[in-house]
Amino acid sequence: MAPDPGHVLATTDDERALALAGPLPAISVVRDPEAALVVTGSPPAVTSYVSSLVRADIGLLAFTPTRTPLEALFFMLTDDPTHQSLDRPAQLQEATR
């Protein structure tokens, strides 16, 4: 029931990495406040995206899994409707701090 894991991604060309993610509906790539990217999606979708980065000759500098905050998991498991509007990128940003 946990959400797909996120990964902090640093590349040699984050702008091109963001552009490559645009047409891929199975993943989400957002800029992290620390200037890295955060990628979320199912493991096969993320693997495919990383492969496309390598094929595009975009170097990978870091690829680190994030942690899902325990509070977010708790609310997902208990179906507390007052917390279902939590913004997923914000959750991932919190997890990477």
PDB file of N, CA and C in Angstrom:
ATOM      1  N   MET A   1       0.807  -1.196   0.000  1.00  0.00           N
ATOM      2  CA  MET A   1       0.000   0.000   0.000  1.00  0.00           C
ATOM      3  C   MET A   1       0.852   1.263   0.000  1.00  0.00           C
ATOM      4  N   ALA A   2       2.139   1.127   0.229  1.00  0.00           N
ATOM      5  CA  ALA A   2       3.013   2.289   0.252  1.00  0.00           C
ATOM      6  C   ALA A   2       3.133   2.857  -1.160  1.00  0.00           C
ATOM      7  N   PRO A   3       3.355   4.157  -1.268  1.00  0.00           N
ATOM      8  CA  PRO A   3       3.505   4.750  -2.593  1.00  0.00           C
ATOM      9  C   PRO A   3       4.792   4.263  -3.242  1.00  0.00           C
ATOM     10  N   ASP A   4       4.860   4.443  -4.554  1.00  0.00           N
ATOM     11  CA  ASP A   4       6.095   4.104  -5.256  1.00  0.00           C
ATOM     12  C   ASP A   4       7.230   4.905  -4.641  1.00  0.00           C
ATOM     13  N   PRO A   5       8.383   4.283  -4.491  1.00  0.00           N
ATOM     14  CA  PRO A   5       9.502   5.000  -3.879  1.00  0.00           C
ATOM     15  C   PRO A   5       9.999   6.113  -4.786  1.00  0.00           C
ATOM     16  N   GLY A   6      10.542   7.134  -4.175  1.00  0.00           N
ATOM     17  CA  GLY A   6      11.147   8.217  -4.930  1.00  0.00           C
ATOM     18  C   GLY A   6      12.658   8.058  -4.923  1.00  0.00           C
ATOM     19  N   HIS A   7      13.298   8.736  -5.843  1.00  0.00           N
ATOM     20  CA  HIS A   7      14.758   8.723  -5.910  1.00  0.00           C
ATOM     21  C   HIS A   7      15.238  10.145  -6.178  1.00  0.00           C
ATOM     22  N   VAL A   8      16.246  10.554  -5.435  1.00  0.00           N
ATOM     23  CA  VAL A   8      16.903  11.824  -5.721  1.00  0.00           C
ATOM     24  C   VAL A   8      17.891  11.541  -6.843  1.00  0.00           C
ATOM     25  N   LEU A   9      17.813  12.334  -7.882  1.00  0.00           N
ATOM     26  CA  LEU A   9      18.615  12.121  -9.076  1.00  0.00           C
ATOM     27  C   LEU A   9      19.394  13.383  -9.387  1.00  0.00           C
ATOM     28  N   ALA A  10      20.698  13.262  -9.527  1.00  0.00           N
ATOM     29  CA  ALA A  10      21.536  14.369  -9.979  1.00  0.00           C
ATOM     30  C   ALA A  10      22.180  13.933 -11.285  1.00  0.00           C
ATOM     31  N   THR A  11      22.136  14.809 -12.272  1.00  0.00           N
ATOM     32  CA  THR A  11      22.679  14.477 -13.591  1.00  0.00           C
ATOM     33  C   THR A  11      23.628  15.571 -14.047  1.00  0.00           C
ATOM     34  N   THR A  12      24.262  15.319 -15.162  1.00  0.00           N
ATOM     35  CA  THR A  12      25.128  16.338 -15.757  1.00  0.00           C
ATOM     36  C   THR A  12      24.316  17.370 -16.526  1.00  0.00           C
ATOM     37  N   ASP A  13      23.030  17.106 -16.762  1.00  0.00           N
ATOM     38  CA  ASP A  13      22.168  18.040 -17.490  1.00  0.00           C
ATOM     39  C   ASP A  13      20.720  17.862 -17.021  1.00  0.00           C
ATOM     40  N   ASP A  14      20.401  18.491 -15.896  1.00  0.00           N
ATOM     41  CA  ASP A  14      19.065  18.334 -15.319  1.00  0.00           C
ATOM     42  C   ASP A  14      17.961  18.854 -16.236  1.00  0.00           C
ATOM     43  N   GLU A  15      18.233  19.881 -17.007  1.00  0.00           N
ATOM     44  CA  GLU A  15      17.202  20.416 -17.909  1.00  0.00           C
ATOM     45  C   GLU A  15      16.814  19.382 -18.964  1.00  0.00           C
ATOM     46  N   ARG A  16      17.795  18.735 -19.565  1.00  0.00           N
ATOM     47  CA  ARG A  16      17.498  17.679 -20.551  1.00  0.00           C
ATOM     48  C   ARG A  16      16.828  16.490 -19.868  1.00  0.00           C
ATOM     49  N   ALA A  17      17.244  16.173 -18.643  1.00  0.00           N
ATOM     50  CA  ALA A  17      16.626  15.063 -17.907  1.00  0.00           C
ATOM     51  C   ALA A  17      15.149  15.360 -17.660  1.00  0.00           C
ATOM     52  N   LEU A  18      14.827  16.595 -17.304  1.00  0.00           N
ATOM     53  CA  LEU A  18      13.421  16.982 -17.121  1.00  0.00           C
ATOM     54  C   LEU A  18      12.661  16.887 -18.439  1.00  0.00           C
ATOM     55  N   ALA A  19      13.270  17.324 -19.524  1.00  0.00           N
ATOM     56  CA  ALA A  19      12.613  17.271 -20.830  1.00  0.00           C
ATOM     57  C   ALA A  19      12.341  15.833 -21.261  1.00  0.00           C
ATOM     58  N   LEU A  20      13.271  14.923 -20.987  1.00  0.00           N
ATOM     59  CA  LEU A  20      13.063  13.514 -21.346  1.00  0.00           C
ATOM     60  C   LEU A  20      11.920  12.893 -20.546  1.00  0.00           C
ATOM     61  N   ALA A  21      11.674  13.391 -19.361  1.00  0.00           N
ATOM     62  CA  ALA A  21      10.600  12.842 -18.521  1.00  0.00           C
ATOM     63  C   ALA A  21       9.231  13.325 -18.966  1.00  0.00           C
ATOM     64  N   GLY A  22       9.176  14.441 -19.670  1.00  0.00           N
ATOM     65  CA  GLY A  22       7.904  15.037 -20.064  1.00  0.00           C
ATOM     66  C   GLY A  22       6.909  14.086 -20.702  1.00  0.00           C
ATOM     67  N   PRO A  23       7.303  13.328 -21.721  1.00  0.00           N
ATOM     68  CA  PRO A  23       6.327  12.456 -22.388  1.00  0.00           C
ATOM     69  C   PRO A  23       6.088  11.111 -21.695  1.00  0.00           C
ATOM     70  N   LEU A  24       6.682  10.896 -20.536  1.00  0.00           N
ATOM     71  CA  LEU A  24       6.530   9.612 -19.835  1.00  0.00           C
ATOM     72  C   LEU A  24       5.482   9.733 -18.732  1.00  0.00           C
ATOM     73  N   PRO A  25       4.259   9.250 -18.967  1.00  0.00           N
ATOM     74  CA  PRO A  25       3.196   9.414 -17.970  1.00  0.00           C
ATOM     75  C   PRO A  25       3.361   8.535 -16.728  1.00  0.00           C
ATOM     76  N   ALA A  26       4.190   7.514 -16.795  1.00  0.00           N
ATOM     77  CA  ALA A  26       4.313   6.569 -15.676  1.00  0.00           C
ATOM     78  C   ALA A  26       5.245   7.055 -14.568  1.00  0.00           C
ATOM     79  N   ILE A  27       5.926   8.178 -14.795  1.00  0.00           N
ATOM     80  CA  ILE A  27       6.823   8.710 -13.774  1.00  0.00           C
ATOM     81  C   ILE A  27       6.545  10.187 -13.552  1.00  0.00           C
ATOM     82  N   SER A  28       7.044  10.669 -12.437  1.00  0.00           N
ATOM     83  CA  SER A  28       6.987  12.097 -12.129  1.00  0.00           C
ATOM     84  C   SER A  28       8.409  12.532 -11.809  1.00  0.00           C
ATOM     85  N   VAL A  29       8.848  13.602 -12.434  1.00  0.00           N
ATOM     86  CA  VAL A  29      10.171  14.161 -12.151  1.00  0.00           C
ATOM     87  C   VAL A  29       9.969  15.631 -11.798  1.00  0.00           C
ATOM     88  N   VAL A  30      10.374  16.009 -10.589  1.00  0.00           N
ATOM     89  CA  VAL A  30      10.248  17.391 -10.133  1.00  0.00           C
ATOM     90  C   VAL A  30      11.601  17.866  -9.623  1.00  0.00           C
ATOM     91  N   ARG A  31      11.791  19.167  -9.698  1.00  0.00           N
ATOM     92  CA  ARG A  31      13.029  19.752  -9.182  1.00  0.00           C
ATOM     93  C   ARG A  31      12.939  19.844  -7.662  1.00  0.00           C
ATOM     94  N   ASP A  32      13.986  19.393  -7.022  1.00  0.00           N
ATOM     95  CA  ASP A  32      14.095  19.455  -5.567  1.00  0.00           C
ATOM     96  C   ASP A  32      14.621  20.834  -5.184  1.00  0.00           C
ATOM     97  N   PRO A  33      14.252  21.368  -4.024  1.00  0.00           N
ATOM     98  CA  PRO A  33      14.762  22.688  -3.623  1.00  0.00           C
ATOM     99  C   PRO A  33      16.291  22.748  -3.546  1.00  0.00           C
ATOM    100  N   GLU A  34      16.924  21.609  -3.399  1.00  0.00           N
ATOM    101  CA  GLU A  34      18.386  21.571  -3.327  1.00  0.00           C
ATOM    102  C   GLU A  34      19.020  21.500  -4.715  1.00  0.00           C
ATOM    103  N   ALA A  35      18.219  21.687  -5.791  1.00  0.00           N
ATOM    104  CA  ALA A  35      18.662  21.728  -7.184  1.00  0.00           C
ATOM    105  C   ALA A  35      18.833  20.353  -7.808  1.00  0.00           C
ATOM    106  N   ALA A  36      18.540  19.287  -7.090  1.00  0.00           N
ATOM    107  CA  ALA A  36      18.534  17.959  -7.692  1.00  0.00           C
ATOM    108  C   ALA A  36      17.124  17.684  -8.212  1.00  0.00           C
ATOM    109  N   LEU A  37      16.916  16.516  -8.770  1.00  0.00           N
ATOM    110  CA  LEU A  37      15.602  16.101  -9.239  1.00  0.00           C
ATOM    111  C   LEU A  37      15.095  14.972  -8.351  1.00  0.00           C
ATOM    112  N   VAL A  38      13.779  14.867  -8.223  1.00  0.00           N
ATOM    113  CA  VAL A  38      13.172  13.753  -7.506  1.00  0.00           C
ATOM    114  C   VAL A  38      12.295  13.011  -8.506  1.00  0.00           C
ATOM    115  N   VAL A  39      12.583  11.726  -8.672  1.00  0.00           N
ATOM    116  CA  VAL A  39      11.875  10.870  -9.619  1.00  0.00           C
ATOM    117  C   VAL A  39      11.001   9.904  -8.832  1.00  0.00           C
ATOM    118  N   THR A  40       9.724   9.806  -9.197  1.00  0.00           N
ATOM    119  CA  THR A  40       8.837   8.818  -8.582  1.00  0.00           C
ATOM    120  C   THR A  40       8.136   8.042  -9.670  1.00  0.00           C
ATOM    121  N   GLY A  41       7.823   6.818  -9.347  1.00  0.00           N
ATOM    122  CA  GLY A  41       7.130   5.932 -10.278  1.00  0.00           C
ATOM    123  C   GLY A  41       7.406   4.503  -9.893  1.00  0.00           C
ATOM    124  N   SER A  42       6.798   3.596 -10.604  1.00  0.00           N
ATOM    125  CA  SER A  42       7.035   2.184 -10.330  1.00  0.00           C
ATOM    126  C   SER A  42       8.486   1.846 -10.679  1.00  0.00           C
ATOM    127  N   PRO A  43       9.040   0.839 -10.043  1.00  0.00           N
ATOM    128  CA  PRO A  43      10.429   0.478 -10.360  1.00  0.00           C
ATOM    129  C   PRO A  43      10.689   0.245 -11.848  1.00  0.00           C
ATOM    130  N   PRO A  44       9.821  -0.470 -12.592  1.00  0.00           N
ATOM    131  CA  PRO A  44      10.093  -0.631 -14.024  1.00  0.00           C
ATOM    132  C   PRO A  44      10.084   0.704 -14.787  1.00  0.00           C
ATOM    133  N   ALA A  45       9.181   1.613 -14.419  1.00  0.00           N
ATOM    134  CA  ALA A  45       9.117   2.911 -15.099  1.00  0.00           C
ATOM    135  C   ALA A  45      10.353   3.748 -14.810  1.00  0.00           C
ATOM    136  N   VAL A  46      10.813   3.740 -13.561  1.00  0.00           N
ATOM    137  CA  VAL A  46      12.017   4.492 -13.197  1.00  0.00           C
ATOM    138  C   VAL A  46      13.236   3.895 -13.894  1.00  0.00           C
ATOM    139  N   THR A  47      13.314   2.571 -13.943  1.00  0.00           N
ATOM    140  CA  THR A  47      14.426   1.909 -14.639  1.00  0.00           C
ATOM    141  C   THR A  47      14.447   2.304 -16.107  1.00  0.00           C
ATOM    142  N   SER A  48      13.298   2.328 -16.738  1.00  0.00           N
ATOM    143  CA  SER A  48      13.203   2.723 -18.141  1.00  0.00           C
ATOM    144  C   SER A  48      13.651   4.172 -18.332  1.00  0.00           C
ATOM    145  N   TYR A  49      13.237   5.045 -17.423  1.00  0.00           N
ATOM    146  CA  TYR A  49      13.630   6.451 -17.496  1.00  0.00           C
ATOM    147  C   TYR A  49      15.143   6.612 -17.353  1.00  0.00           C
ATOM    148  N   VAL A  50      15.734   5.927 -16.395  1.00  0.00           N
ATOM    149  CA  VAL A  50      17.184   6.018 -16.196  1.00  0.00           C
ATOM    150  C   VAL A  50      17.911   5.492 -17.438  1.00  0.00           C
ATOM    151  N   SER A  51      17.397   4.433 -18.033  1.00  0.00           N
ATOM    152  CA  SER A  51      17.987   3.910 -19.272  1.00  0.00           C
ATOM    153  C   SER A  51      17.927   4.952 -20.382  1.00  0.00           C
ATOM    154  N   SER A  52      16.813   5.686 -20.450  1.00  0.00           N
ATOM    155  CA  SER A  52      16.694   6.719 -21.488  1.00  0.00           C
ATOM    156  C   SER A  52      17.685   7.860 -21.253  1.00  0.00           C
ATOM    157  N   LEU A  53      17.986   8.151 -19.988  1.00  0.00           N
ATOM    158  CA  LEU A  53      18.995   9.170 -19.690  1.00  0.00           C
ATOM    159  C   LEU A  53      20.367   8.725 -20.186  1.00  0.00           C
ATOM    160  N   VAL A  54      20.693   7.472 -19.938  1.00  0.00           N
ATOM    161  CA  VAL A  54      21.990   6.941 -20.359  1.00  0.00           C
ATOM    162  C   VAL A  54      22.083   6.936 -21.885  1.00  0.00           C
ATOM    163  N   ARG A  55      21.010   6.502 -22.554  1.00  0.00           N
ATOM    164  CA  ARG A  55      21.004   6.508 -24.025  1.00  0.00           C
ATOM    165  C   ARG A  55      21.162   7.920 -24.589  1.00  0.00           C
ATOM    166  N   ALA A  56      20.655   8.919 -23.861  1.00  0.00           N
ATOM    167  CA  ALA A  56      20.761  10.313 -24.305  1.00  0.00           C
ATOM    168  C   ALA A  56      22.099  10.934 -23.920  1.00  0.00           C
ATOM    169  N   ASP A  57      22.999  10.117 -23.375  1.00  0.00           N
ATOM    170  CA  ASP A  57      24.333  10.561 -22.969  1.00  0.00           C
ATOM    171  C   ASP A  57      24.280  11.629 -21.873  1.00  0.00           C
ATOM    172  N   ILE A  58      23.320  11.477 -20.967  1.00  0.00           N
ATOM    173  CA  ILE A  58      23.225  12.338 -19.790  1.00  0.00           C
ATOM    174  C   ILE A  58      23.849  11.561 -18.639  1.00  0.00           C
ATOM    175  N   GLY A  59      24.892  12.116 -18.061  1.00  0.00           N
ATOM    176  CA  GLY A  59      25.595  11.428 -16.987  1.00  0.00           C
ATOM    177  C   GLY A  59      24.820  11.439 -15.681  1.00  0.00           C
ATOM    178  N   LEU A  60      24.872  10.316 -14.962  1.00  0.00           N
ATOM    179  CA  LEU A  60      24.238  10.217 -13.652  1.00  0.00           C
ATOM    180  C   LEU A  60      25.286  10.491 -12.579  1.00  0.00           C
ATOM    181  N   LEU A  61      25.046  11.493 -11.764  1.00  0.00           N
ATOM    182  CA  LEU A  61      25.964  11.843 -10.687  1.00  0.00           C
ATOM    183  C   LEU A  61      25.521  11.247  -9.357  1.00  0.00           C
ATOM    184  N   ALA A  62      24.215  11.072  -9.174  1.00  0.00           N
ATOM    185  CA  ALA A  62      23.679  10.484  -7.942  1.00  0.00           C
ATOM    186  C   ALA A  62      22.301   9.918  -8.225  1.00  0.00           C
ATOM    187  N   PHE A  63      21.997   8.811  -7.559  1.00  0.00           N
ATOM    188  CA  PHE A  63      20.678   8.173  -7.660  1.00  0.00           C
ATOM    189  C   PHE A  63      20.428   7.525  -6.310  1.00  0.00           C
ATOM    190  N   THR A  64      19.734   8.254  -5.434  1.00  0.00           N
ATOM    191  CA  THR A  64      19.582   7.853  -4.043  1.00  0.00           C
ATOM    192  C   THR A  64      18.109   7.704  -3.704  1.00  0.00           C
ATOM    193  N   PRO A  65      17.705   6.556  -3.140  1.00  0.00           N
ATOM    194  CA  PRO A  65      16.291   6.407  -2.763  1.00  0.00           C
ATOM    195  C   PRO A  65      15.912   7.345  -1.628  1.00  0.00           C
ATOM    196  N   THR A  66      14.687   7.839  -1.694  1.00  0.00           N
ATOM    197  CA  THR A  66      14.152   8.656  -0.604  1.00  0.00           C
ATOM    198  C   THR A  66      13.410   7.738   0.352  1.00  0.00           C
ATOM    199  N   ARG A  67      13.048   8.278   1.484  1.00  0.00           N
ATOM    200  CA  ARG A  67      12.245   7.526   2.444  1.00  0.00           C
ATOM    201  C   ARG A  67      10.865   8.143   2.494  1.00  0.00           C
ATOM    202  N   THR A  68       9.853   7.297   2.536  1.00  0.00           N
ATOM    203  CA  THR A  68       8.488   7.792   2.672  1.00  0.00           C
ATOM    204  C   THR A  68       8.260   8.129   4.137  1.00  0.00           C
ATOM    205  N   PRO A  69       7.807   9.343   4.427  1.00  0.00           N
ATOM    206  CA  PRO A  69       7.576   9.716   5.820  1.00  0.00           C
ATOM    207  C   PRO A  69       6.583   8.768   6.495  1.00  0.00           C
ATOM    208  N   LEU A  70       6.874   8.403   7.714  1.00  0.00           N
ATOM    209  CA  LEU A  70       6.002   7.494   8.452  1.00  0.00           C
ATOM    210  C   LEU A  70       4.592   8.059   8.602  1.00  0.00           C
ATOM    211  N   GLU A  71       4.503   9.364   8.793  1.00  0.00           N
ATOM    212  CA  GLU A  71       3.180   9.972   8.949  1.00  0.00           C
ATOM    213  C   GLU A  71       2.337   9.773   7.689  1.00  0.00           C
ATOM    214  N   ALA A  72       2.953   9.961   6.513  1.00  0.00           N
ATOM    215  CA  ALA A  72       2.218   9.781   5.263  1.00  0.00           C
ATOM    216  C   ALA A  72       1.765   8.332   5.117  1.00  0.00           C
ATOM    217  N   LEU A  73       2.635   7.381   5.460  1.00  0.00           N
ATOM    218  CA  LEU A  73       2.246   5.979   5.394  1.00  0.00           C
ATOM    219  C   LEU A  73       1.096   5.680   6.358  1.00  0.00           C
ATOM    220  N   PHE A  74       1.173   6.247   7.556  1.00  0.00           N
ATOM    221  CA  PHE A  74       0.114   6.036   8.534  1.00  0.00           C
ATOM    222  C   PHE A  74      -1.235   6.497   7.983  1.00  0.00           C
ATOM    223  N   PHE A  75      -1.256   7.702   7.405  1.00  0.00           N
ATOM    224  CA  PHE A  75      -2.522   8.225   6.895  1.00  0.00           C
ATOM    225  C   PHE A  75      -3.008   7.442   5.684  1.00  0.00           C
ATOM    226  N   MET A  76      -2.096   6.913   4.895  1.00  0.00           N
ATOM    227  CA  MET A  76      -2.506   6.071   3.771  1.00  0.00           C
ATOM    228  C   MET A  76      -3.148   4.786   4.282  1.00  0.00           C
ATOM    229  N   LEU A  77      -2.546   4.209   5.319  1.00  0.00           N
ATOM    230  CA  LEU A  77      -3.057   2.954   5.857  1.00  0.00           C
ATOM    231  C   LEU A  77      -4.377   3.129   6.593  1.00  0.00           C
ATOM    232  N   THR A  78      -4.552   4.252   7.245  1.00  0.00           N
ATOM    233  CA  THR A  78      -5.777   4.473   8.006  1.00  0.00           C
ATOM    234  C   THR A  78      -6.847   5.183   7.192  1.00  0.00           C
ATOM    235  N   ASP A  79      -6.514   5.572   5.965  1.00  0.00           N
ATOM    236  CA  ASP A  79      -7.456   6.272   5.092  1.00  0.00           C
ATOM    237  C   ASP A  79      -8.052   7.496   5.752  1.00  0.00           C
ATOM    238  N   ASP A  80      -7.243   8.260   6.442  1.00  0.00           N
ATOM    239  CA  ASP A  80      -7.698   9.492   7.090  1.00  0.00           C
ATOM    240  C   ASP A  80      -7.924  10.541   5.999  1.00  0.00           C
ATOM    241  N   PRO A  81      -9.178  10.886   5.678  1.00  0.00           N
ATOM    242  CA  PRO A  81      -9.459  11.798   4.567  1.00  0.00           C
ATOM    243  C   PRO A  81      -8.935  13.213   4.789  1.00  0.00           C
ATOM    244  N   THR A  82      -8.648  13.589   6.016  1.00  0.00           N
ATOM    245  CA  THR A  82      -8.158  14.950   6.249  1.00  0.00           C
ATOM    246  C   THR A  82      -6.721  15.109   5.792  1.00  0.00           C
ATOM    247  N   HIS A  83      -6.030  14.001   5.516  1.00  0.00           N
ATOM    248  CA  HIS A  83      -4.640  14.090   5.107  1.00  0.00           C
ATOM    249  C   HIS A  83      -4.394  13.517   3.714  1.00  0.00           C
ATOM    250  N   GLN A  84      -5.435  13.167   2.999  1.00  0.00           N
ATOM    251  CA  GLN A  84      -5.243  12.605   1.672  1.00  0.00           C
ATOM    252  C   GLN A  84      -4.871  13.648   0.644  1.00  0.00           C
ATOM    253  N   SER A  85      -4.965  14.911   0.974  1.00  0.00           N
ATOM    254  CA  SER A  85      -4.606  15.947   0.025  1.00  0.00           C
ATOM    255  C   SER A  85      -3.135  16.328   0.127  1.00  0.00           C
ATOM    256  N   LEU A  86      -2.355  15.552   0.875  1.00  0.00           N
ATOM    257  CA  LEU A  86      -0.928  15.854   0.984  1.00  0.00           C
ATOM    258  C   LEU A  86      -0.295  15.824  -0.393  1.00  0.00           C
ATOM    259  N   ASP A  87       0.526  16.794  -0.664  1.00  0.00           N
ATOM    260  CA  ASP A  87       1.195  16.915  -1.946  1.00  0.00           C
ATOM    261  C   ASP A  87       2.361  15.938  -1.997  1.00  0.00           C
ATOM    262  N   ARG A  88       2.336  15.002  -2.932  1.00  0.00           N
ATOM    263  CA  ARG A  88       3.371  13.973  -3.014  1.00  0.00           C
ATOM    264  C   ARG A  88       4.764  14.554  -3.177  1.00  0.00           C
ATOM    265  N   PRO A  89       5.031  15.521  -4.077  1.00  0.00           N
ATOM    266  CA  PRO A  89       6.385  16.086  -4.140  1.00  0.00           C
ATOM    267  C   PRO A  89       6.815  16.695  -2.814  1.00  0.00           C
ATOM    268  N   ALA A  90       5.873  17.322  -2.095  1.00  0.00           N
ATOM    269  CA  ALA A  90       6.236  17.894  -0.801  1.00  0.00           C
ATOM    270  C   ALA A  90       6.604  16.789   0.176  1.00  0.00           C
ATOM    271  N   GLN A  91       5.876  15.673   0.135  1.00  0.00           N
ATOM    272  CA  GLN A  91       6.214  14.533   0.985  1.00  0.00           C
ATOM    273  C   GLN A  91       7.618  14.050   0.677  1.00  0.00           C
ATOM    274  N   LEU A  92       7.952  13.973  -0.585  1.00  0.00           N
ATOM    275  CA  LEU A  92       9.284  13.491  -0.969  1.00  0.00           C
ATOM    276  C   LEU A  92      10.364  14.487  -0.570  1.00  0.00           C
ATOM    277  N   GLN A  93      10.062  15.778  -0.660  1.00  0.00           N
ATOM    278  CA  GLN A  93      11.031  16.772  -0.234  1.00  0.00           C
ATOM    279  C   GLN A  93      11.326  16.621   1.244  1.00  0.00           C
ATOM    280  N   GLU A  94      10.268  16.394   2.043  1.00  0.00           N
ATOM    281  CA  GLU A  94      10.452  16.181   3.465  1.00  0.00           C
ATOM    282  C   GLU A  94      11.300  14.930   3.711  1.00  0.00           C
ATOM    283  N   ALA A  95      11.073  13.899   2.910  1.00  0.00           N
ATOM    284  CA  ALA A  95      11.780  12.643   3.116  1.00  0.00           C
ATOM    285  C   ALA A  95      13.265  12.762   2.795  1.00  0.00           C
ATOM    286  N   THR A  96      13.623  13.709   1.945  1.00  0.00           N
ATOM    287  CA  THR A  96      15.026  13.839   1.556  1.00  0.00           C
ATOM    288  C   THR A  96      15.808  14.759   2.460  1.00  0.00           C
ATOM    289  N   ARG A  97      15.139  15.363   3.419  1.00  0.00           N
ATOM    290  CA  ARG A  97      15.848  16.286   4.320  1.00  0.00           C
ATOM    291  C   ARG A  97      16.585  15.537   5.379  1.00  0.00           C
TER     292      ARG A  97
END
